[in-house]
């Protein structure tokens, strides 16, 4: 009986890596930049003026779930925003639509071009081609709502 339990434990531990989808960091690198965030019951709102090599300008990330809707909503917004990810179609789209004016894009969770998901209720994972962006926003301590600092990490497999 002990042999079977040990065998089962080895199989389960060995297969945990099989459950991963996509590439994810382990939050060991320092953040690329931080964002001021508001976290509520069904809402996350982060905004910041950023100026790093990857992206510069006013960036807003807005996520919410509507109890009447089946799908959560994710909006990426910006003003005077310039993206330099090396992905021509996305860089051009962001730079042309958010370069001089304020604009938002609703990113469907089933989008064929940009994939996103929540990991452990604290990390919003966004992937396009071989680029990965993670927004880590800790949960509120003892409140349902709070203002909190979010950390953004970026990495690529190129």
Foldseek 3Di string as FASTA:
>chain_A
DVVVVVVVVVVVVVCPVVPDDDDDDPPPDAFPDKWKWKAAQFKIKTWDQDDDPFKGFIWIWIWGDDPVDPFIKIKIKTALMAGDPVPVVVRVVCCVPRNHGIDIDIDGCPDPAKHWDDDPVFWIWIDGDFKIKIKGHDQDDPDRMDIGMIGIHIDGPD
